[in-house]
Amino acid sequence: MNASYRASHEYAKWIDKLVQAHISKELLDGQTAESYLQANARFITLTFDKRMINRRKSDLNDSSGVRADPRLLDINRLNAENLSPEFFNVDRLYKTVCQALLGTNWSRAGKRKQQPLMIAVADVNGTRYGRPTSNENLHMHSLWVCKTHQIEAFDAAIERIKNDPRHALDFDEIDVAPIHNMAIKSNGATRLSSYMAKFLGMNASEMAVGQDLAIYPRHSHEAFAQRNSSGCGGNDNHDPDHFRGSRNRLAG
């Protein structure tokens, strides 16, 4: 097993553990994790409008602001964490969804436990076959896990966002799919998490893409990491920092 495949495999198992931790208190008696996800989760692939992404990159790099698009600059000023344009759009998407689900005070501490889990990972063409062709067609695969009774409002919010004016978010397409099968593969990870993590292992060694992973809400990851830090080590470490040194890959 080569290093990149092993890293992707560990990422996939780590993603599965994050999901399990998030839904552990939501499961009804006798309900399986897979049936919960089928009812309350969505797999969303995000592709980007290259023209808008390139304009945003140009405006962010233009210190004078003379040629900048004021619509983009007004939004760019919200990017306090210096996220890449792609992950900045994911950040805004998550916050828009949370506001739709929980109201304008969605970020208050009392509502944090009601925020959905969202794991977004970067991907490029060719990773399915183990041969990334280029980084030009960067896109995102994201898993969204809602709390019980949120999924209808979530679906409605995503549909509204898809119909927003193009300049509001820089997505070309938002492809929403239900979760049909989270079956465990023979290697111990689910098929969905393995599919999502296929580029992470490749990028862990090459760092062809500077930002490749985001997990929201942040507090859920931090609590999970604290609970599992004593048991993660060596080849069984499911924390992505095991593969990335000290670079922080989380946002939210």
C-alpha atoms as a PDB file:
ATOM      1  CA  MET A   1       0.000   0.000   0.000  1.00  0.00           C
ATOM      2  CA  ASN A   2       1.635   3.283  -1.073  1.00  0.00           C
ATOM      3  CA  ALA A   3       1.812   6.300   1.211  1.00  0.00           C
ATOM      4  CA  SER A   4      -0.860   8.378  -0.539  1.00  0.00           C
ATOM      5  CA  TYR A   5      -3.351   5.515  -0.556  1.00  0.00           C
ATOM      6  CA  ARG A   6      -2.700   4.822   3.124  1.00  0.00           C
ATOM      7  CA  ALA A   7      -3.179   8.504   3.950  1.00  0.00           C
ATOM      8  CA  SER A   8      -6.468   8.640   2.008  1.00  0.00           C
ATOM      9  CA  HIS A   9      -7.619   5.516   3.823  1.00  0.00           C
ATOM     10  CA  GLU A  10      -6.846   7.045   7.223  1.00  0.00           C
ATOM     11  CA  TYR A  11      -8.643  10.252   6.234  1.00  0.00           C
ATOM     12  CA  ALA A  12     -11.695   8.209   5.221  1.00  0.00           C
ATOM     13  CA  LYS A  13     -11.823   6.413   8.571  1.00  0.00           C
ATOM     14  CA  TRP A  14     -11.356   9.742  10.339  1.00  0.00           C
ATOM     15  CA  ILE A  15     -14.299  11.241   8.412  1.00  0.00           C
ATOM     16  CA  ASP A  16     -16.458   8.268   9.403  1.00  0.00           C
ATOM     17  CA  LYS A  17     -15.580   8.793  13.067  1.00  0.00           C
ATOM     18  CA  LEU A  18     -16.504  12.476  12.853  1.00  0.00           C
ATOM     19  CA  VAL A  19     -19.894  11.522  11.415  1.00  0.00           C
ATOM     20  CA  GLN A  20     -20.482   8.857  14.052  1.00  0.00           C
ATOM     21  CA  ALA A  21     -19.619  11.303  16.845  1.00  0.00           C
ATOM     22  CA  HIS A  22     -21.949  13.946  15.389  1.00  0.00           C
ATOM     23  CA  ILE A  23     -25.009  11.704  15.171  1.00  0.00           C
ATOM     24  CA  SER A  24     -24.418   9.560  18.258  1.00  0.00           C
ATOM     25  CA  LYS A  25     -26.989  11.432  20.352  1.00  0.00           C
ATOM     26  CA  GLU A  26     -29.477  11.713  17.494  1.00  0.00           C
ATOM     27  CA  LEU A  27     -30.015   7.999  16.868  1.00  0.00           C
ATOM     28  CA  LEU A  28     -33.295   6.488  17.976  1.00  0.00           C
ATOM     29  CA  ASP A  29     -33.341   3.149  19.762  1.00  0.00           C
ATOM     30  CA  GLY A  30     -32.431   0.489  17.217  1.00  0.00           C
ATOM     31  CA  GLN A  31     -31.698   3.003  14.467  1.00  0.00           C
ATOM     32  CA  THR A  32     -28.518   2.417  12.473  1.00  0.00           C
ATOM     33  CA  ALA A  33     -26.142   5.176  11.478  1.00  0.00           C
ATOM     34  CA  GLU A  34     -26.759   4.376   7.827  1.00  0.00           C
ATOM     35  CA  SER A  35     -30.535   4.764   8.110  1.00  0.00           C
ATOM     36  CA  TYR A  36     -30.074   8.058   9.953  1.00  0.00           C
ATOM     37  CA  LEU A  37     -27.842   9.387   7.194  1.00  0.00           C
ATOM     38  CA  GLN A  38     -30.229   8.243   4.494  1.00  0.00           C
ATOM     39  CA  ALA A  39     -32.940  10.345   6.160  1.00  0.00           C
ATOM     40  CA  ASN A  40     -30.911  13.340   7.336  1.00  0.00           C
ATOM     41  CA  ALA A  41     -27.820  13.772   5.165  1.00  0.00           C
ATOM     42  CA  ARG A  42     -26.921  14.966   1.684  1.00  0.00           C
ATOM     43  CA  PHE A  43     -23.865  14.578  -0.521  1.00  0.00           C
ATOM     44  CA  ILE A  44     -23.258  17.829  -2.412  1.00  0.00           C
ATOM     45  CA  THR A  45     -20.704  18.383  -5.153  1.00  0.00           C
ATOM     46  CA  LEU A  46     -19.741  22.001  -5.791  1.00  0.00           C
ATOM     47  CA  THR A  47     -18.165  23.202  -9.007  1.00  0.00           C
ATOM     48  CA  PHE A  48     -17.006  26.767  -9.493  1.00  0.00           C
ATOM     49  CA  ASP A  49     -17.442  29.521 -12.042  1.00  0.00           C
ATOM     50  CA  LYS A  50     -13.817  29.846 -13.154  1.00  0.00           C
ATOM     51  CA  ARG A  51     -14.310  33.414 -14.355  1.00  0.00           C
ATOM     52  CA  MET A  52     -15.638  34.543 -10.976  1.00  0.00           C
ATOM     53  CA  ILE A  53     -12.962  32.642  -9.042  1.00  0.00           C
ATOM     54  CA  ASN A  54     -10.210  34.186 -11.173  1.00  0.00           C
ATOM     55  CA  ARG A  55     -11.675  37.658 -10.697  1.00  0.00           C
ATOM     56  CA  ARG A  56     -11.804  37.119  -6.944  1.00  0.00           C
ATOM     57  CA  LYS A  57      -8.171  35.993  -6.907  1.00  0.00           C
ATOM     58  CA  SER A  58      -7.214  39.029  -8.953  1.00  0.00           C
ATOM     59  CA  ASP A  59      -9.083  41.414  -6.656  1.00  0.00           C
ATOM     60  CA  LEU A  60      -7.547  39.849  -3.554  1.00  0.00           C
ATOM     61  CA  ASN A  61      -4.069  40.311  -5.061  1.00  0.00           C
ATOM     62  CA  ASP A  62      -4.699  43.881  -6.185  1.00  0.00           C
ATOM     63  CA  SER A  63      -3.625  46.014  -3.235  1.00  0.00           C
ATOM     64  CA  SER A  64      -4.625  49.290  -4.898  1.00  0.00           C
ATOM     65  CA  GLY A  65      -8.211  48.240  -5.517  1.00  0.00           C
ATOM     66  CA  VAL A  66      -8.297  50.473  -8.620  1.00  0.00           C
ATOM     67  CA  ARG A  67      -9.379  47.691 -10.949  1.00  0.00           C
ATOM     68  CA  ALA A  68     -11.271  45.699  -8.331  1.00  0.00           C
ATOM     69  CA  ASP A  69     -14.912  44.736  -8.662  1.00  0.00           C
ATOM     70  CA  PRO A  70     -16.627  46.485  -5.712  1.00  0.00           C
ATOM     71  CA  ARG A  71     -19.195  43.690  -5.397  1.00  0.00           C
ATOM     72  CA  LEU A  72     -16.436  41.172  -4.872  1.00  0.00           C
ATOM     73  CA  LEU A  73     -14.374  43.371  -2.590  1.00  0.00           C
ATOM     74  CA  ASP A  74     -17.313  43.989  -0.274  1.00  0.00           C
ATOM     75  CA  ILE A  75     -17.632  40.230   0.161  1.00  0.00           C
ATOM     76  CA  ASN A  76     -13.894  39.565   0.228  1.00  0.00           C
ATOM     77  CA  ARG A  77     -13.522  41.773   3.296  1.00  0.00           C
ATOM     78  CA  LEU A  78     -15.410  39.106   5.229  1.00  0.00           C
ATOM     79  CA  ASN A  79     -12.620  36.619   4.548  1.00  0.00           C
ATOM     80  CA  ALA A  80     -10.820  37.208   7.835  1.00  0.00           C
ATOM     81  CA  GLU A  81      -9.306  33.711   7.853  1.00  0.00           C
ATOM     82  CA  ASN A  82      -7.658  34.197   4.465  1.00  0.00           C
ATOM     83  CA  LEU A  83      -9.351  31.174   2.943  1.00  0.00           C
ATOM     84  CA  SER A  84      -8.819  30.307  -0.680  1.00  0.00           C
ATOM     85  CA  PRO A  85     -11.587  31.671  -2.954  1.00  0.00           C
ATOM     86  CA  GLU A  86     -13.063  28.179  -3.257  1.00  0.00           C
ATOM     87  CA  PHE A  87     -13.161  27.526   0.476  1.00  0.00           C
ATOM     88  CA  PHE A  88     -14.333  31.072   1.132  1.00  0.00           C
ATOM     89  CA  ASN A  89     -17.401  30.227  -0.946  1.00  0.00           C
ATOM     90  CA  VAL A  90     -17.889  27.027   1.049  1.00  0.00           C
ATOM     91  CA  ASP A  91     -17.614  29.060   4.256  1.00  0.00           C
ATOM     92  CA  ARG A  92     -20.302  31.483   3.088  1.00  0.00           C
ATOM     93  CA  LEU A  93     -22.496  28.616   1.925  1.00  0.00           C
ATOM     94  CA  TYR A  94     -22.343  26.970   5.344  1.00  0.00           C
ATOM     95  CA  LYS A  95     -23.152  30.186   7.168  1.00  0.00           C
ATOM     96  CA  THR A  96     -26.061  30.911   4.822  1.00  0.00           C
ATOM     97  CA  VAL A  97     -27.493  27.446   5.446  1.00  0.00           C
ATOM     98  CA  CYS A  98     -27.092  27.814   9.212  1.00  0.00           C
ATOM     99  CA  GLN A  99     -28.941  31.119   9.162  1.00  0.00           C
ATOM    100  CA  ALA A 100     -31.778  29.499   7.209  1.00  0.00           C
ATOM    101  CA  LEU A 101     -31.987  26.604   9.681  1.00  0.00           C
ATOM    102  CA  LEU A 102     -31.431  28.421  12.977  1.00  0.00           C
ATOM    103  CA  GLY A 103     -32.148  32.105  12.403  1.00  0.00           C
ATOM    104  CA  THR A 104     -29.984  35.203  12.473  1.00  0.00           C
ATOM    105  CA  ASN A 105     -28.453  34.258  15.837  1.00  0.00           C
ATOM    106  CA  TRP A 106     -27.315  30.862  14.557  1.00  0.00           C
ATOM    107  CA  SER A 107     -23.698  31.423  15.672  1.00  0.00           C
ATOM    108  CA  ARG A 108     -24.500  31.938  19.355  1.00  0.00           C
ATOM    109  CA  ALA A 109     -23.131  29.334  21.737  1.00  0.00           C
ATOM    110  CA  GLY A 110     -26.611  28.112  22.626  1.00  0.00           C
ATOM    111  CA  LYS A 111     -27.296  27.110  19.021  1.00  0.00           C
ATOM    112  CA  ARG A 112     -23.958  25.579  18.106  1.00  0.00           C
ATOM    113  CA  LYS A 113     -25.038  22.059  18.923  1.00  0.00           C
ATOM    114  CA  GLN A 114     -27.877  22.409  16.415  1.00  0.00           C
ATOM    115  CA  GLN A 115     -25.605  23.357  13.526  1.00  0.00           C
ATOM    116  CA  PRO A 116     -25.267  20.672  10.850  1.00  0.00           C
ATOM    117  CA  LEU A 117     -21.997  18.855  10.314  1.00  0.00           C
ATOM    118  CA  MET A 118     -20.374  19.732   7.010  1.00  0.00           C
ATOM    119  CA  ILE A 119     -17.189  18.115   5.723  1.00  0.00           C
ATOM    120  CA  ALA A 120     -15.882  19.552   2.456  1.00  0.00           C
ATOM    121  CA  VAL A 121     -12.856  18.205   0.616  1.00  0.00           C
ATOM    122  CA  ALA A 122     -11.157  19.402  -2.534  1.00  0.00           C
ATOM    123  CA  ASP A 123     -10.850  17.206  -5.602  1.00  0.00           C
ATOM    124  CA  VAL A 124      -9.406  17.522  -9.109  1.00  0.00           C
ATOM    125  CA  ASN A 125      -9.843  15.606 -12.332  1.00  0.00           C
ATOM    126  CA  GLY A 126      -8.344  12.139 -12.515  1.00  0.00           C
ATOM    127  CA  THR A 127      -8.126  11.246  -8.825  1.00  0.00           C
ATOM    128  CA  ARG A 128     -10.656   8.439  -9.192  1.00  0.00           C
ATOM    129  CA  TYR A 129      -8.070   6.622 -11.278  1.00  0.00           C
ATOM    130  CA  GLY A 130      -5.115   7.670  -9.127  1.00  0.00           C
ATOM    131  CA  ARG A 131      -3.788  10.070 -11.761  1.00  0.00           C
ATOM    132  CA  PRO A 132      -4.687  13.721 -11.100  1.00  0.00           C
ATOM    133  CA  THR A 133      -4.467  15.531 -14.428  1.00  0.00           C
ATOM    134  CA  SER A 134      -4.309  19.156 -13.262  1.00  0.00           C
ATOM    135  CA  ASN A 135      -5.522  21.499 -10.534  1.00  0.00           C
ATOM    136  CA  GLU A 136      -7.483  23.720 -12.913  1.00  0.00           C
ATOM    137  CA  ASN A 137     -10.833  22.021 -12.359  1.00  0.00           C
ATOM    138  CA  LEU A 138     -10.804  22.174  -8.575  1.00  0.00           C
ATOM    139  CA  HIS A 139     -14.168  21.167  -7.148  1.00  0.00           C
ATOM    140  CA  MET A 140     -15.558  20.134  -3.772  1.00  0.00           C
ATOM    141  CA  HIS A 141     -17.277  17.056  -2.440  1.00  0.00           C
ATOM    142  CA  SER A 142     -19.182  17.793   0.731  1.00  0.00           C
ATOM    143  CA  LEU A 143     -21.138  15.701   3.195  1.00  0.00           C
ATOM    144  CA  TRP A 144     -23.843  17.522   5.137  1.00  0.00           C
ATOM    145  CA  VAL A 145     -25.385  15.820   8.173  1.00  0.00           C
ATOM    146  CA  CYS A 146     -28.400  17.583   9.622  1.00  0.00           C
ATOM    147  CA  LYS A 147     -29.965  17.195  13.017  1.00  0.00           C
ATOM    148  CA  THR A 148     -33.300  15.418  13.270  1.00  0.00           C
ATOM    149  CA  HIS A 149     -36.169  17.374  11.641  1.00  0.00           C
ATOM    150  CA  GLN A 150     -33.848  19.780   9.761  1.00  0.00           C
ATOM    151  CA  ILE A 151     -33.598  18.108   6.375  1.00  0.00           C
ATOM    152  CA  GLU A 152     -36.670  19.685   4.741  1.00  0.00           C
ATOM    153  CA  ALA A 153     -35.539  23.197   5.704  1.00  0.00           C
ATOM    154  CA  PHE A 154     -32.030  22.297   4.563  1.00  0.00           C
ATOM    155  CA  ASP A 155     -33.225  21.157   1.139  1.00  0.00           C
ATOM    156  CA  ALA A 156     -35.266  24.328   0.748  1.00  0.00           C
ATOM    157  CA  ALA A 157     -32.293  26.506   1.715  1.00  0.00           C
ATOM    158  CA  ILE A 158     -29.997  24.806  -0.811  1.00  0.00           C
ATOM    159  CA  GLU A 159     -32.611  25.232  -3.520  1.00  0.00           C
ATOM    160  CA  ARG A 160     -32.868  28.962  -2.790  1.00  0.00           C
ATOM    161  CA  ILE A 161     -29.086  29.305  -2.868  1.00  0.00           C
ATOM    162  CA  LYS A 162     -28.936  27.537  -6.223  1.00  0.00           C
ATOM    163  CA  ASN A 163     -31.276  30.192  -7.603  1.00  0.00           C
ATOM    164  CA  ASP A 164     -29.380  33.166  -6.131  1.00  0.00           C
ATOM    165  CA  PRO A 165     -27.756  35.700  -8.481  1.00  0.00           C
ATOM    166  CA  ARG A 166     -24.429  34.409  -9.750  1.00  0.00           C
ATOM    167  CA  HIS A 167     -22.362  37.144  -8.078  1.00  0.00           C
ATOM    168  CA  ALA A 168     -23.613  36.166  -4.620  1.00  0.00           C
ATOM    169  CA  LEU A 169     -21.707  32.863  -4.643  1.00  0.00           C
ATOM    170  CA  ASP A 170     -19.169  31.708  -7.204  1.00  0.00           C
ATOM    171  CA  PHE A 171     -20.590  28.249  -7.844  1.00  0.00           C
ATOM    172  CA  ASP A 172     -21.206  26.995 -11.334  1.00  0.00           C
ATOM    173  CA  GLU A 173     -23.245  24.011 -10.182  1.00  0.00           C
ATOM    174  CA  ILE A 174     -24.525  22.679  -6.870  1.00  0.00           C
ATOM    175  CA  ASP A 175     -25.319  18.997  -7.324  1.00  0.00           C
ATOM    176  CA  VAL A 176     -27.309  17.517  -4.440  1.00  0.00           C
ATOM    177  CA  ALA A 177     -27.640  13.776  -3.954  1.00  0.00           C
ATOM    178  CA  PRO A 178     -29.258  11.739  -1.187  1.00  0.00           C
ATOM    179  CA  ILE A 179     -27.248   9.192   0.770  1.00  0.00           C
ATOM    180  CA  HIS A 180     -28.185   5.756  -0.538  1.00  0.00           C
ATOM    181  CA  ASN A 181     -25.368   3.629   0.803  1.00  0.00           C
ATOM    182  CA  MET A 182     -22.777   4.193   3.523  1.00  0.00           C
ATOM    183  CA  ALA A 183     -21.743   0.542   3.595  1.00  0.00           C
ATOM    184  CA  ILE A 184     -18.437  -0.286   5.200  1.00  0.00           C
ATOM    185  CA  LYS A 185     -15.774  -1.470   2.749  1.00  0.00           C
ATOM    186  CA  SER A 186     -13.399  -4.315   3.529  1.00  0.00           C
ATOM    187  CA  ASN A 187     -10.704  -1.789   4.518  1.00  0.00           C
ATOM    188  CA  GLY A 188     -12.829  -0.422   7.359  1.00  0.00           C
ATOM    189  CA  ALA A 189     -13.999   2.865   5.817  1.00  0.00           C
ATOM    190  CA  THR A 190     -17.345   3.598   4.179  1.00  0.00           C
ATOM    191  CA  ARG A 191     -17.575   3.888   0.422  1.00  0.00           C
ATOM    192  CA  LEU A 192     -18.646   7.508   0.622  1.00  0.00           C
ATOM    193  CA  SER A 193     -15.836   8.647   2.885  1.00  0.00           C
ATOM    194  CA  SER A 194     -13.325   6.730   0.756  1.00  0.00           C
ATOM    195  CA  TYR A 195     -14.602   8.512  -2.332  1.00  0.00           C
ATOM    196  CA  MET A 196     -14.382  11.888  -0.629  1.00  0.00           C
ATOM    197  CA  ALA A 197     -10.863  11.328   0.724  1.00  0.00           C
ATOM    198  CA  LYS A 198      -9.190  10.035  -2.441  1.00  0.00           C
ATOM    199  CA  PHE A 199      -7.418  13.339  -3.210  1.00  0.00           C
ATOM    200  CA  LEU A 200      -6.482  14.132   0.393  1.00  0.00           C
ATOM    201  CA  GLY A 201      -3.863  11.410   0.551  1.00  0.00           C
ATOM    202  CA  MET A 202      -2.317  12.423  -2.766  1.00  0.00           C
ATOM    203  CA  ASN A 203      -2.231  16.059  -1.738  1.00  0.00           C
ATOM    204  CA  ALA A 204      -0.811  15.264   1.706  1.00  0.00           C
ATOM    205  CA  SER A 205       2.578  14.498   0.200  1.00  0.00           C
ATOM    206  CA  GLU A 206       2.603  16.830  -2.807  1.00  0.00           C
ATOM    207  CA  MET A 207       0.613  19.808  -1.434  1.00  0.00           C
ATOM    208  CA  ALA A 208      -0.439  20.704  -4.967  1.00  0.00           C
ATOM    209  CA  VAL A 209      -3.480  22.473  -3.474  1.00  0.00           C
ATOM    210  CA  GLY A 210      -2.889  24.709  -0.471  1.00  0.00           C
ATOM    211  CA  GLN A 211      -6.311  24.221   1.151  1.00  0.00           C
ATOM    212  CA  ASP A 212      -8.089  20.920   0.719  1.00  0.00           C
ATOM    213  CA  LEU A 213     -10.295  20.264   3.769  1.00  0.00           C
ATOM    214  CA  ALA A 214     -12.887  22.111   5.830  1.00  0.00           C
ATOM    215  CA  ILE A 215     -14.997  20.876   8.731  1.00  0.00           C
ATOM    216  CA  TYR A 216     -17.921  22.779  10.227  1.00  0.00           C
ATOM    217  CA  PRO A 217     -18.826  23.513  12.951  1.00  0.00           C
ATOM    218  CA  ARG A 218     -15.308  23.779  14.324  1.00  0.00           C
ATOM    219  CA  HIS A 219     -16.259  22.975  17.916  1.00  0.00           C
ATOM    220  CA  SER A 220     -17.451  19.505  16.917  1.00  0.00           C
ATOM    221  CA  HIS A 221     -14.034  18.651  15.488  1.00  0.00           C
ATOM    222  CA  GLU A 222     -12.186  20.068  18.473  1.00  0.00           C
ATOM    223  CA  ALA A 223     -14.256  18.044  20.921  1.00  0.00           C
ATOM    224  CA  PHE A 224     -13.766  14.929  18.823  1.00  0.00           C
ATOM    225  CA  ALA A 225      -9.998  15.472  18.634  1.00  0.00           C
ATOM    226  CA  GLN A 226      -9.756  15.938  22.400  1.00  0.00           C
ATOM    227  CA  ARG A 227     -11.676  12.736  23.063  1.00  0.00           C
ATOM    228  CA  ASN A 228      -9.511  10.710  20.702  1.00  0.00           C
ATOM    229  CA  SER A 229      -6.084  12.314  21.047  1.00  0.00           C
ATOM    230  CA  SER A 230      -4.838   9.715  23.515  1.00  0.00           C
ATOM    231  CA  GLY A 231      -5.789   6.826  21.264  1.00  0.00           C
ATOM    232  CA  CYS A 232      -4.485   8.106  17.932  1.00  0.00           C
ATOM    233  CA  GLY A 233      -0.924   7.362  17.088  1.00  0.00           C
ATOM    234  CA  GLY A 234       1.329   5.746  14.524  1.00  0.00           C
ATOM    235  CA  ASN A 235      -0.473   4.289  11.520  1.00  0.00           C
ATOM    236  CA  ASP A 236      -3.833   4.416  13.280  1.00  0.00           C
ATOM    237  CA  ASN A 237      -3.870   8.201  13.692  1.00  0.00           C
ATOM    238  CA  HIS A 238      -7.058   9.593  12.158  1.00  0.00           C
ATOM    239  CA  ASP A 239      -6.193  13.254  12.640  1.00  0.00           C
ATOM    240  CA  PRO A 240      -5.153  14.818   9.294  1.00  0.00           C
ATOM    241  CA  ASP A 241      -2.426  16.780  11.056  1.00  0.00           C
ATOM    242  CA  HIS A 242      -0.679  13.416  11.331  1.00  0.00           C
ATOM    243  CA  PHE A 243      -0.119  13.680   7.591  1.00  0.00           C
ATOM    244  CA  ARG A 244       0.373  17.458   7.376  1.00  0.00           C
ATOM    245  CA  GLY A 245       2.676  18.383  10.201  1.00  0.00           C
ATOM    246  CA  SER A 246       1.580  21.524  12.011  1.00  0.00           C
ATOM    247  CA  ARG A 247      -0.402  23.134   9.172  1.00  0.00           C
ATOM    248  CA  ASN A 248      -3.983  23.751  10.158  1.00  0.00           C
ATOM    249  CA  ARG A 249      -6.468  22.564   7.529  1.00  0.00           C
ATOM    250  CA  LEU A 250      -9.689  23.369   9.376  1.00  0.00           C
ATOM    251  CA  ALA A 251     -12.052  26.270   8.865  1.00  0.00           C
ATOM    252  CA  GLY A 252     -15.328  27.276  10.315  1.00  0.00           C
END
